[in-house]
Structure formats: C-alpha cells, structure tokens
Amino acid sequence: MLTCKEQVARSSDFIDGQLSFRERLMMHHHLLFCPNCRRFMRQMRLLQATLRELPEPPVPGLDELAARLAAEQKNTIK
C-alpha cells in the first residue's frame, strides 16, 4: 500500500490519467482506506476545475510593463 506522502506525490499524475494500471490500482486502494487522502484528492480536483475556469493569461509583456511603471512611480515619489 502507498504511504500518504507517495499518494500526494502522484496525485497530479493520477488526476491527469498519466499513471499505469498498476499505479492507479495502488492509488485507488490507498484512497479506500485513507479519508485524509480522499479529502486531498477532492481538493485537488476542485482546484483543477477552478483553474480551468480562469480567464486566459494576460497579454505577454504585461508584467514587465507593470514593473517598469512601478519603478518610474517610485522614482518620481523620491
């Protein structure tokens, strides 16, 4: 049986369907007996679903522009 630490380490691959049949069985077996890991997996699935609903990433270069404007503002305040 997997430990909780091993379960957490493989959780993303499990959710993404990237584990072998044997690894998936080991994950399911652990989840049958570990309520904490079941809760963790529910939270991971909720997080993944939430991230899918986020809007598209901002325009490229926006972070650099914001940093430059913040630096200019900081220089004018002095």
PDB file of N, CA and C in Angstrom:
ATOM      1  N   MET A   1       0.845  -1.177   0.000  1.00  0.00           N
ATOM      2  CA  MET A   1       0.000   0.000   0.000  1.00  0.00           C
ATOM      3  C   MET A   1       0.896   1.247   0.000  1.00  0.00           C
ATOM      4  N   LEU A   2       0.446   2.271  -0.683  1.00  0.00           N
ATOM      5  CA  LEU A   2       1.185   3.525  -0.731  1.00  0.00           C
ATOM      6  C   LEU A   2       1.099   4.250   0.601  1.00  0.00           C
ATOM      7  N   THR A   3       2.106   5.056   0.878  1.00  0.00           N
ATOM      8  CA  THR A   3       2.021   5.950   2.029  1.00  0.00           C
ATOM      9  C   THR A   3       1.286   7.213   1.575  1.00  0.00           C
ATOM     10  N   CYS A   4       0.865   8.006   2.520  1.00  0.00           N
ATOM     11  CA  CYS A   4       0.194   9.264   2.175  1.00  0.00           C
ATOM     12  C   CYS A   4       1.135  10.173   1.386  1.00  0.00           C
ATOM     13  N   LYS A   5       2.399  10.178   1.759  1.00  0.00           N
ATOM     14  CA  LYS A   5       3.381  11.009   1.061  1.00  0.00           C
ATOM     15  C   LYS A   5       3.508  10.577  -0.405  1.00  0.00           C
ATOM     16  N   GLU A   6       3.528   9.270  -0.665  1.00  0.00           N
ATOM     17  CA  GLU A   6       3.602   8.775  -2.047  1.00  0.00           C
ATOM     18  C   GLU A   6       2.321   9.116  -2.804  1.00  0.00           C
ATOM     19  N   GLN A   7       1.199   9.016  -2.113  1.00  0.00           N
ATOM     20  CA  GLN A   7      -0.092   9.337  -2.724  1.00  0.00           C
ATOM     21  C   GLN A   7      -0.112  10.793  -3.183  1.00  0.00           C
ATOM     22  N   VAL A   8       0.321  11.691  -2.314  1.00  0.00           N
ATOM     23  CA  VAL A   8       0.332  13.115  -2.643  1.00  0.00           C
ATOM     24  C   VAL A   8       1.283  13.383  -3.812  1.00  0.00           C
ATOM     25  N   ALA A   9       2.443  12.722  -3.796  1.00  0.00           N
ATOM     26  CA  ALA A   9       3.430  12.932  -4.857  1.00  0.00           C
ATOM     27  C   ALA A   9       2.901  12.518  -6.226  1.00  0.00           C
ATOM     28  N   ARG A  10       2.022  11.539  -6.264  1.00  0.00           N
ATOM     29  CA  ARG A  10       1.487  11.037  -7.539  1.00  0.00           C
ATOM     30  C   ARG A  10       0.106  11.582  -7.879  1.00  0.00           C
ATOM     31  N   SER A  11      -0.427  12.433  -7.037  1.00  0.00           N
ATOM     32  CA  SER A  11      -1.817  12.864  -7.201  1.00  0.00           C
ATOM     33  C   SER A  11      -2.067  13.595  -8.517  1.00  0.00           C
ATOM     34  N   SER A  12      -1.179  14.462  -8.937  1.00  0.00           N
ATOM     35  CA  SER A  12      -1.385  15.188 -10.198  1.00  0.00           C
ATOM     36  C   SER A  12      -1.389  14.235 -11.387  1.00  0.00           C
ATOM     37  N   ASP A  13      -0.441  13.303 -11.386  1.00  0.00           N
ATOM     38  CA  ASP A  13      -0.400  12.323 -12.471  1.00  0.00           C
ATOM     39  C   ASP A  13      -1.652  11.448 -12.463  1.00  0.00           C
ATOM     40  N   PHE A  14      -2.146  11.140 -11.282  1.00  0.00           N
ATOM     41  CA  PHE A  14      -3.364  10.339 -11.159  1.00  0.00           C
ATOM     42  C   PHE A  14      -4.559  11.084 -11.756  1.00  0.00           C
ATOM     43  N   ILE A  15      -4.711  12.333 -11.383  1.00  0.00           N
ATOM     44  CA  ILE A  15      -5.827  13.134 -11.886  1.00  0.00           C
ATOM     45  C   ILE A  15      -5.724  13.325 -13.397  1.00  0.00           C
ATOM     46  N   ASP A  16      -4.503  13.487 -13.905  1.00  0.00           N
ATOM     47  CA  ASP A  16      -4.289  13.699 -15.334  1.00  0.00           C
ATOM     48  C   ASP A  16      -4.318  12.406 -16.140  1.00  0.00           C
ATOM     49  N   GLY A  17      -4.478  11.261 -15.470  1.00  0.00           N
ATOM     50  CA  GLY A  17      -4.544   9.981 -16.168  1.00  0.00           C
ATOM     51  C   GLY A  17      -3.212   9.520 -16.724  1.00  0.00           C
ATOM     52  N   GLN A  18      -2.122   9.861 -16.046  1.00  0.00           N
ATOM     53  CA  GLN A  18      -0.798   9.541 -16.550  1.00  0.00           C
ATOM     54  C   GLN A  18      -0.132   8.378 -15.810  1.00  0.00           C
ATOM     55  N   LEU A  19      -0.879   7.636 -15.018  1.00  0.00           N
ATOM     56  CA  LEU A  19      -0.315   6.509 -14.279  1.00  0.00           C
ATOM     57  C   LEU A  19      -0.623   5.198 -14.987  1.00  0.00           C
ATOM     58  N   SER A  20       0.217   4.222 -14.733  1.00  0.00           N
ATOM     59  CA  SER A  20      -0.019   2.889 -15.291  1.00  0.00           C
ATOM     60  C   SER A  20      -1.215   2.256 -14.569  1.00  0.00           C
ATOM     61  N   PHE A  21      -1.701   1.165 -15.103  1.00  0.00           N
ATOM     62  CA  PHE A  21      -2.835   0.465 -14.498  1.00  0.00           C
ATOM     63  C   PHE A  21      -2.500   0.052 -13.064  1.00  0.00           C
ATOM     64  N   ARG A  22      -1.309  -0.482 -12.862  1.00  0.00           N
ATOM     65  CA  ARG A  22      -0.880  -0.916 -11.533  1.00  0.00           C
ATOM     66  C   ARG A  22      -0.823   0.267 -10.561  1.00  0.00           C
ATOM     67  N   GLU A  23      -0.283   1.391 -11.002  1.00  0.00           N
ATOM     68  CA  GLU A  23      -0.200   2.569 -10.144  1.00  0.00           C
ATOM     69  C   GLU A  23      -1.588   3.102  -9.793  1.00  0.00           C
ATOM     70  N   ARG A  24      -2.494   3.086 -10.769  1.00  0.00           N
ATOM     71  CA  ARG A  24      -3.875   3.532 -10.497  1.00  0.00           C
ATOM     72  C   ARG A  24      -4.539   2.634  -9.457  1.00  0.00           C
ATOM     73  N   LEU A  25      -4.314   1.315  -9.574  1.00  0.00           N
ATOM     74  CA  LEU A  25      -4.882   0.389  -8.587  1.00  0.00           C
ATOM     75  C   LEU A  25      -4.336   0.676  -7.195  1.00  0.00           C
ATOM     76  N   MET A  26      -3.035   0.939  -7.109  1.00  0.00           N
ATOM     77  CA  MET A  26      -2.436   1.256  -5.812  1.00  0.00           C
ATOM     78  C   MET A  26      -3.033   2.534  -5.242  1.00  0.00           C
ATOM     79  N   MET A  27      -3.258   3.521  -6.098  1.00  0.00           N
ATOM     80  CA  MET A  27      -3.860   4.778  -5.652  1.00  0.00           C
ATOM     81  C   MET A  27      -5.284   4.536  -5.146  1.00  0.00           C
ATOM     82  N   HIS A  28      -6.069   3.800  -5.923  1.00  0.00           N
ATOM     83  CA  HIS A  28      -7.455   3.510  -5.512  1.00  0.00           C
ATOM     84  C   HIS A  28      -7.479   2.748  -4.187  1.00  0.00           C
ATOM     85  N   HIS A  29      -6.580   1.795  -4.046  1.00  0.00           N
ATOM     86  CA  HIS A  29      -6.518   1.007  -2.817  1.00  0.00           C
ATOM     87  C   HIS A  29      -6.228   1.916  -1.624  1.00  0.00           C
ATOM     88  N   HIS A  30      -5.271   2.798  -1.764  1.00  0.00           N
ATOM     89  CA  HIS A  30      -4.944   3.715  -0.674  1.00  0.00           C
ATOM     90  C   HIS A  30      -6.136   4.620  -0.350  1.00  0.00           C
ATOM     91  N   LEU A  31      -6.784   5.124  -1.401  1.00  0.00           N
ATOM     92  CA  LEU A  31      -7.917   6.030  -1.188  1.00  0.00           C
ATOM     93  C   LEU A  31      -9.080   5.344  -0.483  1.00  0.00           C
ATOM     94  N   LEU A  32      -9.225   4.034  -0.668  1.00  0.00           N
ATOM     95  CA  LEU A  32     -10.287   3.305   0.019  1.00  0.00           C
ATOM     96  C   LEU A  32     -10.136   3.385   1.532  1.00  0.00           C
ATOM     97  N   PHE A  33      -8.890   3.425   2.002  1.00  0.00           N
ATOM     98  CA  PHE A  33      -8.633   3.332   3.435  1.00  0.00           C
ATOM     99  C   PHE A  33      -8.174   4.632   4.081  1.00  0.00           C
ATOM    100  N   CYS A  34      -7.977   5.670   3.304  1.00  0.00           N
ATOM    101  CA  CYS A  34      -7.416   6.905   3.872  1.00  0.00           C
ATOM    102  C   CYS A  34      -8.340   8.101   3.622  1.00  0.00           C
ATOM    103  N   PRO A  35      -9.115   8.478   4.609  1.00  0.00           N
ATOM    104  CA  PRO A  35     -10.028   9.613   4.420  1.00  0.00           C
ATOM    105  C   PRO A  35      -9.297  10.940   4.181  1.00  0.00           C
ATOM    106  N   ASN A  36      -8.110  11.092   4.766  1.00  0.00           N
ATOM    107  CA  ASN A  36      -7.364  12.337   4.555  1.00  0.00           C
ATOM    108  C   ASN A  36      -6.933  12.481   3.100  1.00  0.00           C
ATOM    109  N   CYS A  37      -6.469  11.406   2.502  1.00  0.00           N
ATOM    110  CA  CYS A  37      -6.061  11.468   1.095  1.00  0.00           C
ATOM    111  C   CYS A  37      -7.273  11.614   0.176  1.00  0.00           C
ATOM    112  N   ARG A  38      -8.405  11.027   0.539  1.00  0.00           N
ATOM    113  CA  ARG A  38      -9.628  11.243  -0.250  1.00  0.00           C
ATOM    114  C   ARG A  38      -9.997  12.720  -0.240  1.00  0.00           C
ATOM    115  N   ARG A  39      -9.915  13.348   0.917  1.00  0.00           N
ATOM    116  CA  ARG A  39     -10.202  14.777   1.024  1.00  0.00           C
ATOM    117  C   ARG A  39      -9.200  15.580   0.192  1.00  0.00           C
ATOM    118  N   PHE A  40      -7.927  15.202   0.263  1.00  0.00           N
ATOM    119  CA  PHE A  40      -6.904  15.885  -0.521  1.00  0.00           C
ATOM    120  C   PHE A  40      -7.194  15.762  -2.016  1.00  0.00           C
ATOM    121  N   MET A  41      -7.588  14.581  -2.465  1.00  0.00           N
ATOM    122  CA  MET A  41      -7.884  14.382  -3.891  1.00  0.00           C
ATOM    123  C   MET A  41      -9.112  15.195  -4.309  1.00  0.00           C
ATOM    124  N   ARG A  42     -10.110  15.280  -3.454  1.00  0.00           N
ATOM    125  CA  ARG A  42     -11.273  16.123  -3.766  1.00  0.00           C
ATOM    126  C   ARG A  42     -10.841  17.576  -3.923  1.00  0.00           C
ATOM    127  N   GLN A  43      -9.977  18.031  -3.038  1.00  0.00           N
ATOM    128  CA  GLN A  43      -9.485  19.406  -3.118  1.00  0.00           C
ATOM    129  C   GLN A  43      -8.659  19.622  -4.389  1.00  0.00           C
ATOM    130  N   MET A  44      -7.854  18.649  -4.757  1.00  0.00           N
ATOM    131  CA  MET A  44      -7.050  18.749  -5.981  1.00  0.00           C
ATOM    132  C   MET A  44      -7.958  18.832  -7.217  1.00  0.00           C
ATOM    133  N   ARG A  45      -8.994  18.016  -7.249  1.00  0.00           N
ATOM    134  CA  ARG A  45      -9.920  18.049  -8.389  1.00  0.00           C
ATOM    135  C   ARG A  45     -10.666  19.377  -8.453  1.00  0.00           C
ATOM    136  N   LEU A  46     -11.053  19.899  -7.298  1.00  0.00           N
ATOM    137  CA  LEU A  46     -11.720  21.196  -7.247  1.00  0.00           C
ATOM    138  C   LEU A  46     -10.779  22.297  -7.719  1.00  0.00           C
ATOM    139  N   LEU A  47      -9.535  22.255  -7.283  1.00  0.00           N
ATOM    140  CA  LEU A  47      -8.542  23.232  -7.719  1.00  0.00           C
ATOM    141  C   LEU A  47      -8.343  23.167  -9.230  1.00  0.00           C
ATOM    142  N   GLN A  48      -8.227  21.960  -9.761  1.00  0.00           N
ATOM    143  CA  GLN A  48      -8.045  21.793 -11.202  1.00  0.00           C
ATOM    144  C   GLN A  48      -9.246  22.350 -11.971  1.00  0.00           C
ATOM    145  N   ALA A  49     -10.438  22.071 -11.506  1.00  0.00           N
ATOM    146  CA  ALA A  49     -11.643  22.581 -12.169  1.00  0.00           C
ATOM    147  C   ALA A  49     -11.704  24.109 -12.084  1.00  0.00           C
ATOM    148  N   THR A  50     -11.306  24.655 -10.950  1.00  0.00           N
ATOM    149  CA  THR A  50     -11.294  26.116 -10.785  1.00  0.00           C
ATOM    150  C   THR A  50     -10.288  26.757 -11.725  1.00  0.00           C
ATOM    151  N   LEU A  51      -9.108  26.167 -11.829  1.00  0.00           N
ATOM    152  CA  LEU A  51      -8.084  26.717 -12.717  1.00  0.00           C
ATOM    153  C   LEU A  51      -8.520  26.693 -14.179  1.00  0.00           C
ATOM    154  N   ARG A  52      -9.279  25.676 -14.554  1.00  0.00           N
ATOM    155  CA  ARG A  52      -9.781  25.610 -15.940  1.00  0.00           C
ATOM    156  C   ARG A  52     -10.745  26.747 -16.246  1.00  0.00           C
ATOM    157  N   GLU A  53     -11.428  27.240 -15.220  1.00  0.00           N
ATOM    158  CA  GLU A  53     -12.423  28.293 -15.405  1.00  0.00           C
ATOM    159  C   GLU A  53     -11.825  29.699 -15.410  1.00  0.00           C
ATOM    160  N   LEU A  54     -10.566  29.820 -15.052  1.00  0.00           N
ATOM    161  CA  LEU A  54      -9.942  31.141 -15.035  1.00  0.00           C
ATOM    162  C   LEU A  54      -9.832  31.699 -16.451  1.00  0.00           C
ATOM    163  N   PRO A  55      -9.834  33.015 -16.567  1.00  0.00           N
ATOM    164  CA  PRO A  55      -9.695  33.611 -17.904  1.00  0.00           C
ATOM    165  C   PRO A  55      -8.305  33.340 -18.477  1.00  0.00           C
ATOM    166  N   GLU A  56      -8.193  33.597 -19.762  1.00  0.00           N
ATOM    167  CA  GLU A  56      -6.917  33.400 -20.449  1.00  0.00           C
ATOM    168  C   GLU A  56      -5.838  34.255 -19.795  1.00  0.00           C
ATOM    169  N   PRO A  57      -4.575  33.821 -19.911  1.00  0.00           N
ATOM    170  CA  PRO A  57      -3.498  34.624 -19.319  1.00  0.00           C
ATOM    171  C   PRO A  57      -3.438  36.013 -19.937  1.00  0.00           C
ATOM    172  N   PRO A  58      -2.901  36.969 -19.202  1.00  0.00           N
ATOM    173  CA  PRO A  58      -2.831  38.342 -19.712  1.00  0.00           C
ATOM    174  C   PRO A  58      -1.894  38.455 -20.913  1.00  0.00           C
ATOM    175  N   VAL A  59      -1.926  39.614 -21.498  1.00  0.00           N
ATOM    176  CA  VAL A  59      -1.109  39.908 -22.679  1.00  0.00           C
ATOM    177  C   VAL A  59       0.370  39.734 -22.335  1.00  0.00           C
ATOM    178  N   PRO A  60       1.152  39.103 -23.231  1.00  0.00           N
ATOM    179  CA  PRO A  60       2.588  38.964 -22.965  1.00  0.00           C
ATOM    180  C   PRO A  60       3.240  40.328 -22.762  1.00  0.00           C
ATOM    181  N   GLY A  61       4.166  40.388 -21.824  1.00  0.00           N
ATOM    182  CA  GLY A  61       4.876  41.623 -21.549  1.00  0.00           C
ATOM    183  C   GLY A  61       4.195  42.513 -20.528  1.00  0.00           C
ATOM    184  N   LEU A  62       3.021  42.132 -20.076  1.00  0.00           N
ATOM    185  CA  LEU A  62       2.281  42.959 -19.132  1.00  0.00           C
ATOM    186  C   LEU A  62       3.008  43.069 -17.790  1.00  0.00           C
ATOM    187  N   ASP A  63       3.627  41.972 -17.346  1.00  0.00           N
ATOM    188  CA  ASP A  63       4.358  42.007 -16.078  1.00  0.00           C
ATOM    189  C   ASP A  63       5.540  42.968 -16.158  1.00  0.00           C
ATOM    190  N   GLU A  64       6.242  42.941 -17.284  1.00  0.00           N
ATOM    191  CA  GLU A  64       7.379  43.848 -17.454  1.00  0.00           C
ATOM    192  C   GLU A  64       6.908  45.305 -17.464  1.00  0.00           C
ATOM    193  N   LEU A  65       5.805  45.568 -18.134  1.00  0.00           N
ATOM    194  CA  LEU A  65       5.254  46.917 -18.173  1.00  0.00           C
ATOM    195  C   LEU A  65       4.872  47.388 -16.774  1.00  0.00           C
ATOM    196  N   ALA A  66       4.223  46.518 -16.017  1.00  0.00           N
ATOM    197  CA  ALA A  66       3.822  46.878 -14.656  1.00  0.00           C
ATOM    198  C   ALA A  66       5.048  47.154 -13.793  1.00  0.00           C
ATOM    199  N   ALA A  67       6.097  46.354 -13.938  1.00  0.00           N
ATOM    200  CA  ALA A  67       7.319  46.570 -13.161  1.00  0.00           C
ATOM    201  C   ALA A  67       7.972  47.892 -13.539  1.00  0.00           C
ATOM    202  N   ARG A  68       7.998  48.195 -14.837  1.00  0.00           N
ATOM    203  CA  ARG A  68       8.605  49.448 -15.292  1.00  0.00           C
ATOM    204  C   ARG A  68       7.818  50.657 -14.771  1.00  0.00           C
ATOM    205  N   LEU A  69       6.497  50.582 -14.834  1.00  0.00           N
ATOM    206  CA  LEU A  69       5.664  51.682 -14.332  1.00  0.00           C
ATOM    207  C   LEU A  69       5.835  51.860 -12.822  1.00  0.00           C
ATOM    208  N   ALA A  70       5.930  50.741 -12.099  1.00  0.00           N
ATOM    209  CA  ALA A  70       6.129  50.822 -10.649  1.00  0.00           C
ATOM    210  C   ALA A  70       7.476  51.457 -10.335  1.00  0.00           C
ATOM    211  N   ALA A  71       8.507  51.109 -11.115  1.00  0.00           N
ATOM    212  CA  ALA A  71       9.834  51.696 -10.898  1.00  0.00           C
ATOM    213  C   ALA A  71       9.823  53.190 -11.198  1.00  0.00           C
ATOM    214  N   GLU A  72       9.140  53.582 -12.278  1.00  0.00           N
ATOM    215  CA  GLU A  72       9.059  55.001 -12.626  1.00  0.00           C
ATOM    216  C   GLU A  72       8.301  55.780 -11.545  1.00  0.00           C
ATOM    217  N   GLN A  73       7.238  55.200 -11.049  1.00  0.00           N
ATOM    218  CA  GLN A  73       6.452  55.858  -9.999  1.00  0.00           C
ATOM    219  C   GLN A  73       7.283  55.994  -8.730  1.00  0.00           C
ATOM    220  N   LYS A  74       8.056  54.981  -8.431  1.00  0.00           N
ATOM    221  CA  LYS A  74       8.901  55.013  -7.248  1.00  0.00           C
ATOM    222  C   LYS A  74       9.950  56.121  -7.380  1.00  0.00           C
ATOM    223  N   ASN A  75      10.495  56.315  -8.572  1.00  0.00           N
ATOM    224  CA  ASN A  75      11.493  57.346  -8.811  1.00  0.00           C
ATOM    225  C   ASN A  75      10.900  58.750  -8.723  1.00  0.00           C
ATOM    226  N   THR A  76       9.660  58.925  -9.146  1.00  0.00           N
ATOM    227  CA  THR A  76       9.029  60.248  -9.096  1.00  0.00           C
ATOM    228  C   THR A  76       8.624  60.637  -7.679  1.00  0.00           C
ATOM    229  N   ILE A  77       8.379  59.670  -6.834  1.00  0.00           N
ATOM    230  CA  ILE A  77       7.956  59.941  -5.456  1.00  0.00           C
ATOM    231  C   ILE A  77       9.146  60.443  -4.631  1.00  0.00           C
ATOM    232  N   LYS A  78      10.333  60.026  -4.926  1.00  0.00           N
ATOM    233  CA  LYS A  78      11.520  60.407  -4.147  1.00  0.00           C
ATOM    234  C   LYS A  78      11.819  61.834  -4.235  1.00  0.00           C
TER     235      LYS A  78
END
